[in-house]
Amino acid sequence: MARPGPDRTPPGYRPGDPQTVAQGPPPVFLERQNYRSRRLRDAARLLPLAGALLFLLPLLWPRAGQPAGADDPVRMSDAIVYVFAIWAGLIVAVGLFGLAVRRWGQSEPPAARGDGLE
């Protein structure tokens, strides 16, 4: 199915015909599976940003050398456990995203995936 773009008009749309001009171009419809696959890919692209923010979070924790009115300082061992837990969680999340994208990607035809293999 050809998607409308800047240089393509949707199928059935005739710019000079008064009936199609009044109706406007037909809406673009994505199949549910294709839509979910694209959203999953978008979420996978945001995963590095989320990981970076989680790795920077310990910089906001109170330290041992702060004034007496500050919260209890976080022990270094707790911070190291946190960093390694985030690291392991990111590895698991990337693996799950990869499996899901591969599973949904295999059921789509090559033209729908946009990988150029036709």
PDB file of N, CA and C in Angstrom:
ATOM      1  N   MET A   1       0.845  -1.169   0.000  1.00  0.00           N
ATOM      2  CA  MET A   1       0.000   0.000   0.000  1.00  0.00           C
ATOM      3  C   MET A   1       0.894   1.237   0.000  1.00  0.00           C
ATOM      4  N   ALA A   2       0.665   2.100  -0.955  1.00  0.00           N
ATOM      5  CA  ALA A   2       1.473   3.307  -1.064  1.00  0.00           C
ATOM      6  C   ALA A   2       1.004   4.325  -0.031  1.00  0.00           C
ATOM      7  N   ARG A   3       1.972   4.886   0.665  1.00  0.00           N
ATOM      8  CA  ARG A   3       1.646   5.899   1.661  1.00  0.00           C
ATOM      9  C   ARG A   3       1.742   7.284   1.039  1.00  0.00           C
ATOM     10  N   PRO A   4       0.845   8.193   1.419  1.00  0.00           N
ATOM     11  CA  PRO A   4       0.941   9.541   0.863  1.00  0.00           C
ATOM     12  C   PRO A   4       2.179  10.232   1.391  1.00  0.00           C
ATOM     13  N   GLY A   5       2.787  10.988   0.562  1.00  0.00           N
ATOM     14  CA  GLY A   5       3.976  11.723   0.948  1.00  0.00           C
ATOM     15  C   GLY A   5       3.968  13.069   0.261  1.00  0.00           C
ATOM     16  N   PRO A   6       5.056  13.813   0.384  1.00  0.00           N
ATOM     17  CA  PRO A   6       5.081  15.132  -0.230  1.00  0.00           C
ATOM     18  C   PRO A   6       5.014  15.061  -1.751  1.00  0.00           C
ATOM     19  N   ASP A   7       5.513  13.987  -2.367  1.00  0.00           N
ATOM     20  CA  ASP A   7       5.509  13.876  -3.812  1.00  0.00           C
ATOM     21  C   ASP A   7       4.470  12.885  -4.328  1.00  0.00           C
ATOM     22  N   ARG A   8       3.674  12.255  -3.442  1.00  0.00           N
ATOM     23  CA  ARG A   8       2.661  11.285  -3.839  1.00  0.00           C
ATOM     24  C   ARG A   8       1.292  11.729  -3.348  1.00  0.00           C
ATOM     25  N   THR A   9       0.296  11.474  -4.172  1.00  0.00           N
ATOM     26  CA  THR A   9      -1.075  11.712  -3.721  1.00  0.00           C
ATOM     27  C   THR A   9      -1.692  10.382  -3.348  1.00  0.00           C
ATOM     28  N   PRO A  10      -2.632  10.364  -2.417  1.00  0.00           N
ATOM     29  CA  PRO A  10      -3.265   9.108  -2.019  1.00  0.00           C
ATOM     30  C   PRO A  10      -4.035   8.499  -3.179  1.00  0.00           C
ATOM     31  N   PRO A  11      -4.182   7.171  -3.206  1.00  0.00           N
ATOM     32  CA  PRO A  11      -4.949   6.542  -4.278  1.00  0.00           C
ATOM     33  C   PRO A  11      -6.401   7.003  -4.241  1.00  0.00           C
ATOM     34  N   GLY A  12      -6.938   7.290  -5.418  1.00  0.00           N
ATOM     35  CA  GLY A  12      -8.325   7.727  -5.507  1.00  0.00           C
ATOM     36  C   GLY A  12      -8.520   9.221  -5.316  1.00  0.00           C
ATOM     37  N   TYR A  13      -7.472   9.956  -5.014  1.00  0.00           N
ATOM     38  CA  TYR A  13      -7.582  11.400  -4.793  1.00  0.00           C
ATOM     39  C   TYR A  13      -7.223  12.115  -6.094  1.00  0.00           C
ATOM     40  N   ARG A  14      -8.174  12.892  -6.610  1.00  0.00           N
ATOM     41  CA  ARG A  14      -7.956  13.651  -7.836  1.00  0.00           C
ATOM     42  C   ARG A  14      -8.062  15.128  -7.483  1.00  0.00           C
ATOM     43  N   PRO A  15      -6.972  15.872  -7.572  1.00  0.00           N
ATOM     44  CA  PRO A  15      -6.999  17.274  -7.145  1.00  0.00           C
ATOM     45  C   PRO A  15      -7.974  18.141  -7.927  1.00  0.00           C
ATOM     46  N   GLY A  16      -8.232  17.866  -9.214  1.00  0.00           N
ATOM     47  CA  GLY A  16      -9.115  18.713 -10.008  1.00  0.00           C
ATOM     48  C   GLY A  16     -10.584  18.386  -9.836  1.00  0.00           C
ATOM     49  N   ASP A  17     -10.907  17.245  -9.272  1.00  0.00           N
ATOM     50  CA  ASP A  17     -12.297  16.821  -9.118  1.00  0.00           C
ATOM     51  C   ASP A  17     -12.919  17.545  -7.921  1.00  0.00           C
ATOM     52  N   PRO A  18     -14.043  18.271  -8.135  1.00  0.00           N
ATOM     53  CA  PRO A  18     -14.646  19.028  -7.013  1.00  0.00           C
ATOM     54  C   PRO A  18     -15.098  18.147  -5.854  1.00  0.00           C
ATOM     55  N   GLN A  19     -15.529  16.909  -6.142  1.00  0.00           N
ATOM     56  CA  GLN A  19     -15.997  16.037  -5.061  1.00  0.00           C
ATOM     57  C   GLN A  19     -14.849  15.621  -4.147  1.00  0.00           C
ATOM     58  N   THR A  20     -13.697  15.249  -4.705  1.00  0.00           N
ATOM     59  CA  THR A  20     -12.575  14.837  -3.861  1.00  0.00           C
ATOM     60  C   THR A  20     -11.912  16.027  -3.193  1.00  0.00           C
ATOM     61  N   VAL A  21     -11.968  17.209  -3.839  1.00  0.00           N
ATOM     62  CA  VAL A  21     -11.403  18.403  -3.199  1.00  0.00           C
ATOM     63  C   VAL A  21     -12.223  18.769  -1.973  1.00  0.00           C
ATOM     64  N   ALA A  22     -13.550  18.645  -2.059  1.00  0.00           N
ATOM     65  CA  ALA A  22     -14.409  18.970  -0.924  1.00  0.00           C
ATOM     66  C   ALA A  22     -14.223  17.967   0.218  1.00  0.00           C
ATOM     67  N   GLN A  23     -13.987  16.698  -0.117  1.00  0.00           N
ATOM     68  CA  GLN A  23     -13.813  15.676   0.916  1.00  0.00           C
ATOM     69  C   GLN A  23     -12.423  15.711   1.522  1.00  0.00           C
ATOM     70  N   GLY A  24     -11.453  16.180   0.782  1.00  0.00           N
ATOM     71  CA  GLY A  24     -10.075  16.173   1.252  1.00  0.00           C
ATOM     72  C   GLY A  24      -9.449  14.811   1.018  1.00  0.00           C
ATOM     73  N   PRO A  25      -8.175  14.680   1.310  1.00  0.00           N
ATOM     74  CA  PRO A  25      -7.515  13.384   1.105  1.00  0.00           C
ATOM     75  C   PRO A  25      -8.057  12.350   2.088  1.00  0.00           C
ATOM     76  N   PRO A  26      -8.072  11.095   1.680  1.00  0.00           N
ATOM     77  CA  PRO A  26      -8.553  10.063   2.604  1.00  0.00           C
ATOM     78  C   PRO A  26      -7.607   9.916   3.795  1.00  0.00           C
ATOM     79  N   PRO A  27      -8.133   9.528   4.952  1.00  0.00           N
ATOM     80  CA  PRO A  27      -7.261   9.384   6.128  1.00  0.00           C
ATOM     81  C   PRO A  27      -6.283   8.226   5.944  1.00  0.00           C
ATOM     82  N   VAL A  28      -5.116   8.386   6.537  1.00  0.00           N
ATOM     83  CA  VAL A  28      -4.108   7.338   6.498  1.00  0.00           C
ATOM     84  C   VAL A  28      -4.422   6.363   7.624  1.00  0.00           C
ATOM     85  N   PHE A  29      -4.551   5.107   7.287  1.00  0.00           N
ATOM     86  CA  PHE A  29      -4.888   4.093   8.271  1.00  0.00           C
ATOM     87  C   PHE A  29      -3.736   3.119   8.394  1.00  0.00           C
ATOM     88  N   LEU A  30      -3.282   2.910   9.604  1.00  0.00           N
ATOM     89  CA  LEU A  30      -2.247   1.918   9.866  1.00  0.00           C
ATOM     90  C   LEU A  30      -2.890   0.718  10.537  1.00  0.00           C
ATOM     91  N   GLU A  31      -2.508  -0.454  10.090  1.00  0.00           N
ATOM     92  CA  GLU A  31      -3.010  -1.655  10.726  1.00  0.00           C
ATOM     93  C   GLU A  31      -2.549  -1.692  12.178  1.00  0.00           C
ATOM     94  N   ARG A  32      -3.316  -2.375  13.008  1.00  0.00           N
ATOM     95  CA  ARG A  32      -3.010  -2.422  14.438  1.00  0.00           C
ATOM     96  C   ARG A  32      -1.626  -2.997  14.702  1.00  0.00           C
ATOM     97  N   GLN A  33      -1.279  -4.060  13.988  1.00  0.00           N
ATOM     98  CA  GLN A  33       0.015  -4.704  14.214  1.00  0.00           C
ATOM     99  C   GLN A  33       1.154  -3.778  13.788  1.00  0.00           C
ATOM    100  N   ASN A  34       0.994  -3.116  12.663  1.00  0.00           N
ATOM    101  CA  ASN A  34       2.015  -2.192  12.199  1.00  0.00           C
ATOM    102  C   ASN A  34       2.142  -1.013  13.157  1.00  0.00           C
ATOM    103  N   TYR A  35       1.017  -0.514  13.664  1.00  0.00           N
ATOM    104  CA  TYR A  35       1.026   0.600  14.609  1.00  0.00           C
ATOM    105  C   TYR A  35       1.758   0.216  15.893  1.00  0.00           C
ATOM    106  N   ARG A  36       1.451  -0.965  16.424  1.00  0.00           N
ATOM    107  CA  ARG A  36       2.111  -1.408  17.656  1.00  0.00           C
ATOM    108  C   ARG A  36       3.597  -1.614  17.446  1.00  0.00           C
ATOM    109  N   SER A  37       3.959  -2.150  16.293  1.00  0.00           N
ATOM    110  CA  SER A  37       5.373  -2.360  15.998  1.00  0.00           C
ATOM    111  C   SER A  37       6.116  -1.030  15.945  1.00  0.00           C
ATOM    112  N   ARG A  38       5.513  -0.021  15.337  1.00  0.00           N
ATOM    113  CA  ARG A  38       6.159   1.292  15.283  1.00  0.00           C
ATOM    114  C   ARG A  38       6.277   1.918  16.671  1.00  0.00           C
ATOM    115  N   ARG A  39       5.242   1.790  17.500  1.00  0.00           N
ATOM    116  CA  ARG A  39       5.310   2.351  18.854  1.00  0.00           C
ATOM    117  C   ARG A  39       6.358   1.630  19.685  1.00  0.00           C
ATOM    118  N   LEU A  40       6.491   0.328  19.483  1.00  0.00           N
ATOM    119  CA  LEU A  40       7.510  -0.425  20.205  1.00  0.00           C
ATOM    120  C   LEU A  40       8.907   0.020  19.788  1.00  0.00           C
ATOM    121  N   ARG A  41       9.085   0.264  18.510  1.00  0.00           N
ATOM    122  CA  ARG A  41      10.380   0.773  18.040  1.00  0.00           C
ATOM    123  C   ARG A  41      10.658   2.153  18.613  1.00  0.00           C
ATOM    124  N   ASP A  42       9.629   2.990  18.698  1.00  0.00           N
ATOM    125  CA  ASP A  42       9.806   4.317  19.302  1.00  0.00           C
ATOM    126  C   ASP A  42      10.224   4.208  20.767  1.00  0.00           C
ATOM    127  N   ALA A  43       9.591   3.289  21.484  1.00  0.00           N
ATOM    128  CA  ALA A  43       9.946   3.090  22.894  1.00  0.00           C
ATOM    129  C   ALA A  43      11.379   2.572  23.017  1.00  0.00           C
ATOM    130  N   ALA A  44      11.788   1.707  22.103  1.00  0.00           N
ATOM    131  CA  ALA A  44      13.158   1.185  22.138  1.00  0.00           C
ATOM    132  C   ALA A  44      14.163   2.297  21.850  1.00  0.00           C
ATOM    133  N   ARG A  45      13.781   3.260  21.037  1.00  0.00           N
ATOM    134  CA  ARG A  45      14.686   4.385  20.765  1.00  0.00           C
ATOM    135  C   ARG A  45      14.835   5.300  21.976  1.00  0.00           C
ATOM    136  N   LEU A  46      13.817   5.344  22.832  1.00  0.00           N
ATOM    137  CA  LEU A  46      13.880   6.186  24.029  1.00  0.00           C
ATOM    138  C   LEU A  46      14.582   5.503  25.198  1.00  0.00           C
ATOM    139  N   LEU A  47      14.827   4.214  25.081  1.00  0.00           N
ATOM    140  CA  LEU A  47      15.444   3.461  26.175  1.00  0.00           C
ATOM    141  C   LEU A  47      16.840   3.993  26.551  1.00  0.00           C
ATOM    142  N   PRO A  48      17.715   4.347  25.617  1.00  0.00           N
ATOM    143  CA  PRO A  48      19.011   4.908  26.026  1.00  0.00           C
ATOM    144  C   PRO A  48      18.880   6.208  26.813  1.00  0.00           C
ATOM    145  N   LEU A  49      17.919   7.042  26.444  1.00  0.00           N
ATOM    146  CA  LEU A  49      17.716   8.286  27.180  1.00  0.00           C
ATOM    147  C   LEU A  49      17.245   8.005  28.608  1.00  0.00           C
ATOM    148  N   ALA A  50      16.318   7.068  28.752  1.00  0.00           N
ATOM    149  CA  ALA A  50      15.853   6.696  30.090  1.00  0.00           C
ATOM    150  C   ALA A  50      16.996   6.110  30.915  1.00  0.00           C
ATOM    151  N   GLY A  51      17.831   5.290  30.283  1.00  0.00           N
ATOM    152  CA  GLY A  51      18.982   4.716  30.988  1.00  0.00           C
ATOM    153  C   GLY A  51      19.957   5.785  31.448  1.00  0.00           C
ATOM    154  N   ALA A  52      20.216   6.767  30.590  1.00  0.00           N
ATOM    155  CA  ALA A  52      21.133   7.844  30.968  1.00  0.00           C
ATOM    156  C   ALA A  52      20.584   8.642  32.151  1.00  0.00           C
ATOM    157  N   LEU A  53      19.284   8.918  32.126  1.00  0.00           N
ATOM    158  CA  LEU A  53      18.692   9.655  33.251  1.00  0.00           C
ATOM    159  C   LEU A  53      18.753   8.845  34.546  1.00  0.00           C
ATOM    160  N   LEU A  54      18.525   7.539  34.442  1.00  0.00           N
ATOM    161  CA  LEU A  54      18.602   6.699  35.645  1.00  0.00           C
ATOM    162  C   LEU A  54      20.029   6.606  36.175  1.00  0.00           C
ATOM    163  N   PHE A  55      21.015   6.600  35.268  1.00  0.00           N
ATOM    164  CA  PHE A  55      22.407   6.575  35.720  1.00  0.00           C
ATOM    165  C   PHE A  55      22.825   7.894  36.358  1.00  0.00           C
ATOM    166  N   LEU A  56      22.220   8.998  35.955  1.00  0.00           N
ATOM    167  CA  LEU A  56      22.559  10.304  36.528  1.00  0.00           C
ATOM    168  C   LEU A  56      21.836  10.582  37.847  1.00  0.00           C
ATOM    169  N   LEU A  57      20.823   9.820  38.154  1.00  0.00           N
ATOM    170  CA  LEU A  57      20.043  10.045  39.372  1.00  0.00           C
ATOM    171  C   LEU A  57      20.877  10.001  40.658  1.00  0.00           C
ATOM    172  N   PRO A  58      21.862   9.113  40.803  1.00  0.00           N
ATOM    173  CA  PRO A  58      22.656   9.128  42.051  1.00  0.00           C
ATOM    174  C   PRO A  58      23.412  10.427  42.297  1.00  0.00           C
ATOM    175  N   LEU A  59      23.605  11.238  41.276  1.00  0.00           N
ATOM    176  CA  LEU A  59      24.274  12.526  41.489  1.00  0.00           C
ATOM    177  C   LEU A  59      23.422  13.476  42.324  1.00  0.00           C
ATOM    178  N   LEU A  60      22.132  13.219  42.400  1.00  0.00           N
ATOM    179  CA  LEU A  60      21.233  14.071  43.188  1.00  0.00           C
ATOM    180  C   LEU A  60      21.073  13.587  44.623  1.00  0.00           C
ATOM    181  N   TRP A  61      21.588  12.422  44.926  1.00  0.00           N
ATOM    182  CA  TRP A  61      21.450  11.879  46.273  1.00  0.00           C
ATOM    183  C   TRP A  61      22.340  12.647  47.244  1.00  0.00           C
ATOM    184  N   PRO A  62      21.923  12.765  48.532  1.00  0.00           N
ATOM    185  CA  PRO A  62      22.758  13.470  49.520  1.00  0.00           C
ATOM    186  C   PRO A  62      24.066  12.709  49.769  1.00  0.00           C
ATOM    187  N   ARG A  63      25.119  13.476  49.988  1.00  0.00           N
ATOM    188  CA  ARG A  63      26.444  12.891  50.223  1.00  0.00           C
ATOM    189  C   ARG A  63      26.820  13.026  51.693  1.00  0.00           C
ATOM    190  N   ALA A  64      27.875  12.341  52.055  1.00  0.00           N
ATOM    191  CA  ALA A  64      28.295  12.320  53.466  1.00  0.00           C
ATOM    192  C   ALA A  64      28.832  13.675  53.928  1.00  0.00           C
ATOM    193  N   GLY A  65      29.385  14.495  53.067  1.00  0.00           N
ATOM    194  CA  GLY A  65      30.002  15.751  53.479  1.00  0.00           C
ATOM    195  C   GLY A  65      29.047  16.937  53.488  1.00  0.00           C
ATOM    196  N   GLN A  66      27.746  16.721  53.357  1.00  0.00           N
ATOM    197  CA  GLN A  66      26.804  17.838  53.306  1.00  0.00           C
ATOM    198  C   GLN A  66      26.473  18.335  54.712  1.00  0.00           C
ATOM    199  N   PRO A  67      25.869  19.526  54.826  1.00  0.00           N
ATOM    200  CA  PRO A  67      25.548  20.089  56.146  1.00  0.00           C
ATOM    201  C   PRO A  67      24.621  19.188  56.960  1.00  0.00           C
ATOM    202  N   ALA A  68      24.511  19.490  58.246  1.00  0.00           N
ATOM    203  CA  ALA A  68      23.756  18.632  59.169  1.00  0.00           C
ATOM    204  C   ALA A  68      22.265  18.611  58.867  1.00  0.00           C
ATOM    205  N   GLY A  69      21.713  19.633  58.238  1.00  0.00           N
ATOM    206  CA  GLY A  69      20.282  19.677  57.956  1.00  0.00           C
ATOM    207  C   GLY A  69      19.867  18.805  56.772  1.00  0.00           C
ATOM    208  N   ALA A  70      20.822  18.264  56.050  1.00  0.00           N
ATOM    209  CA  ALA A  70      20.496  17.457  54.866  1.00  0.00           C
ATOM    210  C   ALA A  70      19.989  16.083  55.276  1.00  0.00           C
ATOM    211  N   ASP A  71      19.380  15.396  54.328  1.00  0.00           N
ATOM    212  CA  ASP A  71      18.902  14.035  54.585  1.00  0.00           C
ATOM    213  C   ASP A  71      20.078  13.114  54.893  1.00  0.00           C
ATOM    214  N   ASP A  72      19.735  11.918  55.341  1.00  0.00           N
ATOM    215  CA  ASP A  72      20.782  10.937  55.610  1.00  0.00           C
ATOM    216  C   ASP A  72      21.548  10.638  54.333  1.00  0.00           C
ATOM    217  N   PRO A  73      22.857  10.581  54.419  1.00  0.00           N
ATOM    218  CA  PRO A  73      23.643  10.298  53.218  1.00  0.00           C
ATOM    219  C   PRO A  73      23.424   8.856  52.742  1.00  0.00           C
ATOM    220  N   VAL A  74      23.578   8.669  51.441  1.00  0.00           N
ATOM    221  CA  VAL A  74      23.447   7.347  50.840  1.00  0.00           C
ATOM    222  C   VAL A  74      24.822   6.692  50.863  1.00  0.00           C
ATOM    223  N   ARG A  75      24.835   5.446  51.330  1.00  0.00           N
ATOM    224  CA  ARG A  75      26.119   4.742  51.382  1.00  0.00           C
ATOM    225  C   ARG A  75      26.590   4.428  49.974  1.00  0.00           C
ATOM    226  N   MET A  76      27.908   4.388  49.804  1.00  0.00           N
ATOM    227  CA  MET A  76      28.496   4.105  48.501  1.00  0.00           C
ATOM    228  C   MET A  76      28.093   2.715  48.007  1.00  0.00           C
ATOM    229  N   SER A  77      27.979   1.756  48.914  1.00  0.00           N
ATOM    230  CA  SER A  77      27.601   0.400  48.503  1.00  0.00           C
ATOM    231  C   SER A  77      26.175   0.379  47.944  1.00  0.00           C
ATOM    232  N   ASP A  78      25.276   1.180  48.523  1.00  0.00           N
ATOM    233  CA  ASP A  78      23.920   1.258  47.992  1.00  0.00           C
ATOM    234  C   ASP A  78      23.904   1.883  46.596  1.00  0.00           C
ATOM    235  N   ALA A  79      24.741   2.889  46.387  1.00  0.00           N
ATOM    236  CA  ALA A  79      24.810   3.533  45.077  1.00  0.00           C
ATOM    237  C   ALA A  79      25.353   2.570  44.022  1.00  0.00           C
ATOM    238  N   ILE A  80      26.341   1.776  44.388  1.00  0.00           N
ATOM    239  CA  ILE A  80      26.914   0.823  43.431  1.00  0.00           C
ATOM    240  C   ILE A  80      25.900  -0.273  43.104  1.00  0.00           C
ATOM    241  N   VAL A  81      25.173  -0.741  44.088  1.00  0.00           N
ATOM    242  CA  VAL A  81      24.124  -1.737  43.835  1.00  0.00           C
ATOM    243  C   VAL A  81      23.059  -1.147  42.912  1.00  0.00           C
ATOM    244  N   TYR A  82      22.692   0.111  43.135  1.00  0.00           N
ATOM    245  CA  TYR A  82      21.707   0.777  42.278  1.00  0.00           C
ATOM    246  C   TYR A  82      22.203   0.837  40.833  1.00  0.00           C
ATOM    247  N   VAL A  83      23.447   1.250  40.625  1.00  0.00           N
ATOM    248  CA  VAL A  83      23.988   1.372  39.266  1.00  0.00           C
ATOM    249  C   VAL A  83      23.999   0.017  38.563  1.00  0.00           C
ATOM    250  N   PHE A  84      24.430  -1.032  39.248  1.00  0.00           N
ATOM    251  CA  PHE A  84      24.457  -2.347  38.615  1.00  0.00           C
ATOM    252  C   PHE A  84      23.047  -2.893  38.385  1.00  0.00           C
ATOM    253  N   ALA A  85      22.089  -2.568  39.250  1.00  0.00           N
ATOM    254  CA  ALA A  85      20.708  -2.998  39.023  1.00  0.00           C
ATOM    255  C   ALA A  85      20.125  -2.309  37.794  1.00  0.00           C
ATOM    256  N   ILE A  86      20.403  -1.021  37.629  1.00  0.00           N
ATOM    257  CA  ILE A  86      19.943  -0.303  36.440  1.00  0.00           C
ATOM    258  C   ILE A  86      20.602  -0.880  35.197  1.00  0.00           C
ATOM    259  N   TRP A  87      21.881  -1.156  35.273  1.00  0.00           N
ATOM    260  CA  TRP A  87      22.615  -1.738  34.144  1.00  0.00           C
ATOM    261  C   TRP A  87      22.002  -3.078  33.739  1.00  0.00           C
ATOM    262  N   ALA A  88      21.751  -3.951  34.700  1.00  0.00           N
ATOM    263  CA  ALA A  88      21.144  -5.251  34.401  1.00  0.00           C
ATOM    264  C   ALA A  88      19.716  -5.077  33.884  1.00  0.00           C
ATOM    265  N   GLY A  89      18.970  -4.152  34.449  1.00  0.00           N
ATOM    266  CA  GLY A  89      17.604  -3.905  33.986  1.00  0.00           C
ATOM    267  C   GLY A  89      17.561  -3.399  32.554  1.00  0.00           C
ATOM    268  N   LEU A  90      18.516  -2.548  32.182  1.00  0.00           N
ATOM    269  CA  LEU A  90      18.578  -2.071  30.805  1.00  0.00           C
ATOM    270  C   LEU A  90      18.905  -3.200  29.836  1.00  0.00           C
ATOM    271  N   ILE A  91      19.786  -4.108  30.232  1.00  0.00           N
ATOM    272  CA  ILE A  91      20.117  -5.248  29.376  1.00  0.00           C
ATOM    273  C   ILE A  91      18.879  -6.116  29.157  1.00  0.00           C
ATOM    274  N   VAL A  92      18.137  -6.381  30.215  1.00  0.00           N
ATOM    275  CA  VAL A  92      16.919  -7.188  30.092  1.00  0.00           C
ATOM    276  C   VAL A  92      15.889  -6.461  29.230  1.00  0.00           C
ATOM    277  N   ALA A  93      15.721  -5.151  29.437  1.00  0.00           N
ATOM    278  CA  ALA A  93      14.740  -4.388  28.663  1.00  0.00           C
ATOM    279  C   ALA A  93      15.095  -4.384  27.176  1.00  0.00           C
ATOM    280  N   VAL A  94      16.367  -4.214  26.841  1.00  0.00           N
ATOM    281  CA  VAL A  94      16.778  -4.233  25.441  1.00  0.00           C
ATOM    282  C   VAL A  94      16.523  -5.606  24.835  1.00  0.00           C
ATOM    283  N   GLY A  95      16.795  -6.662  25.584  1.00  0.00           N
ATOM    284  CA  GLY A  95      16.521  -8.007  25.087  1.00  0.00           C
ATOM    285  C   GLY A  95      15.048  -8.232  24.827  1.00  0.00           C
ATOM    286  N   LEU A  96      14.196  -7.768  25.729  1.00  0.00           N
ATOM    287  CA  LEU A  96      12.749  -7.923  25.543  1.00  0.00           C
ATOM    288  C   LEU A  96      12.243  -7.097  24.360  1.00  0.00           C
ATOM    289  N   PHE A  97      12.741  -5.876  24.238  1.00  0.00           N
ATOM    290  CA  PHE A  97      12.351  -5.060  23.095  1.00  0.00           C
ATOM    291  C   PHE A  97      12.801  -5.716  21.790  1.00  0.00           C
ATOM    292  N   GLY A  98      14.003  -6.256  21.773  1.00  0.00           N
ATOM    293  CA  GLY A  98      14.502  -6.918  20.572  1.00  0.00           C
ATOM    294  C   GLY A  98      13.663  -8.120  20.183  1.00  0.00           C
ATOM    295  N   LEU A  99      13.285  -8.926  21.150  1.00  0.00           N
ATOM    296  CA  LEU A  99      12.432 -10.084  20.858  1.00  0.00           C
ATOM    297  C   LEU A  99      11.064  -9.656  20.333  1.00  0.00           C
ATOM    298  N   ALA A 100      10.482  -8.633  20.945  1.00  0.00           N
ATOM    299  CA  ALA A 100       9.157  -8.181  20.526  1.00  0.00           C
ATOM    300  C   ALA A 100       9.196  -7.575  19.123  1.00  0.00           C
ATOM    301  N   VAL A 101      10.202  -6.761  18.833  1.00  0.00           N
ATOM    302  CA  VAL A 101      10.311  -6.158  17.501  1.00  0.00           C
ATOM    303  C   VAL A 101      10.549  -7.242  16.455  1.00  0.00           C
ATOM    304  N   ARG A 102      11.380  -8.203  16.759  1.00  0.00           N
ATOM    305  CA  ARG A 102      11.642  -9.282  15.815  1.00  0.00           C
ATOM    306  C   ARG A 102      10.383 -10.109  15.570  1.00  0.00           C
ATOM    307  N   ARG A 103       9.621 -10.374  16.634  1.00  0.00           N
ATOM    308  CA  ARG A 103       8.396 -11.162  16.492  1.00  0.00           C
ATOM    309  C   ARG A 103       7.378 -10.428  15.623  1.00  0.00           C
ATOM    310  N   TRP A 104       7.182  -9.131  15.873  1.00  0.00           N
ATOM    311  CA  TRP A 104       6.226  -8.372  15.078  1.00  0.00           C
ATOM    312  C   TRP A 104       6.774  -8.065  13.694  1.00  0.00           C
ATOM    313  N   GLY A 105       8.079  -7.938  13.569  1.00  0.00           N
ATOM    314  CA  GLY A 105       8.682  -7.637  12.277  1.00  0.00           C
ATOM    315  C   GLY A 105       8.625  -8.803  11.312  1.00  0.00           C
ATOM    316  N   GLN A 106       8.622 -10.031  11.795  1.00  0.00           N
ATOM    317  CA  GLN A 106       8.577 -11.187  10.914  1.00  0.00           C
ATOM    318  C   GLN A 106       7.220 -11.359  10.263  1.00  0.00           C
ATOM    319  N   SER A 107       6.158 -10.899  10.901  1.00  0.00           N
ATOM    320  CA  SER A 107       4.821 -11.076  10.347  1.00  0.00           C
ATOM    321  C   SER A 107       4.456  -9.986   9.338  1.00  0.00           C
ATOM    322  N   GLU A 108       5.259  -8.915   9.233  1.00  0.00           N
ATOM    323  CA  GLU A 108       4.996  -7.851   8.273  1.00  0.00           C
ATOM    324  C   GLU A 108       5.683  -8.173   6.951  1.00  0.00           C
ATOM    325  N   PRO A 109       5.088  -7.786   5.822  1.00  0.00           N
ATOM    326  CA  PRO A 109       5.779  -7.953   4.545  1.00  0.00           C
ATOM    327  C   PRO A 109       6.948  -6.978   4.470  1.00  0.00           C
ATOM    328  N   PRO A 110       7.988  -7.265   3.666  1.00  0.00           N
ATOM    329  CA  PRO A 110       9.161  -6.389   3.602  1.00  0.00           C
ATOM    330  C   PRO A 110       8.839  -4.957   3.201  1.00  0.00           C
ATOM    331  N   ALA A 111       7.862  -4.748   2.337  1.00  0.00           N
ATOM    332  CA  ALA A 111       7.525  -3.391   1.916  1.00  0.00           C
ATOM    333  C   ALA A 111       6.945  -2.581   3.069  1.00  0.00           C
ATOM    334  N   ALA A 112       6.210  -3.219   3.972  1.00  0.00           N
ATOM    335  CA  ALA A 112       5.613  -2.513   5.110  1.00  0.00           C
ATOM    336  C   ALA A 112       6.657  -2.146   6.146  1.00  0.00           C
ATOM    337  N   ARG A 113       7.741  -2.941   6.241  1.00  0.00           N
ATOM    338  CA  ARG A 113       8.786  -2.646   7.219  1.00  0.00           C
ATOM    339  C   ARG A 113       9.627  -1.459   6.781  1.00  0.00           C
ATOM    340  N   GLY A 114       9.672  -1.183   5.492  1.00  0.00           N
ATOM    341  CA  GLY A 114      10.456  -0.055   5.018  1.00  0.00           C
ATOM    342  C   GLY A 114      11.935  -0.350   4.933  1.00  0.00           C
ATOM    343  N   ASP A 115      12.317  -1.632   4.816  1.00  0.00           N
ATOM    344  CA  ASP A 115      13.731  -1.940   4.742  1.00  0.00           C
ATOM    345  C   ASP A 115      14.254  -1.956   3.302  1.00  0.00           C
ATOM    346  N   GLY A 116      13.390  -1.669   2.325  1.00  0.00           N
ATOM    347  CA  GLY A 116      13.815  -1.537   0.947  1.00  0.00           C
ATOM    348  C   GLY A 116      13.947  -2.839   0.196  1.00  0.00           C
ATOM    349  N   LEU A 117      13.644  -3.959   0.791  1.00  0.00           N
ATOM    350  CA  LEU A 117      13.742  -5.249   0.114  1.00  0.00           C
ATOM    351  C   LEU A 117      12.403  -5.566  -0.523  1.00  0.00           C
ATOM    352  N   GLU A 118      12.342  -5.535  -1.830  1.00  0.00           N
ATOM    353  CA  GLU A 118      11.080  -5.823  -2.513  1.00  0.00           C
ATOM    354  C   GLU A 118      11.278  -6.873  -3.561  1.00  0.00           C
TER     355      GLU A 118
END
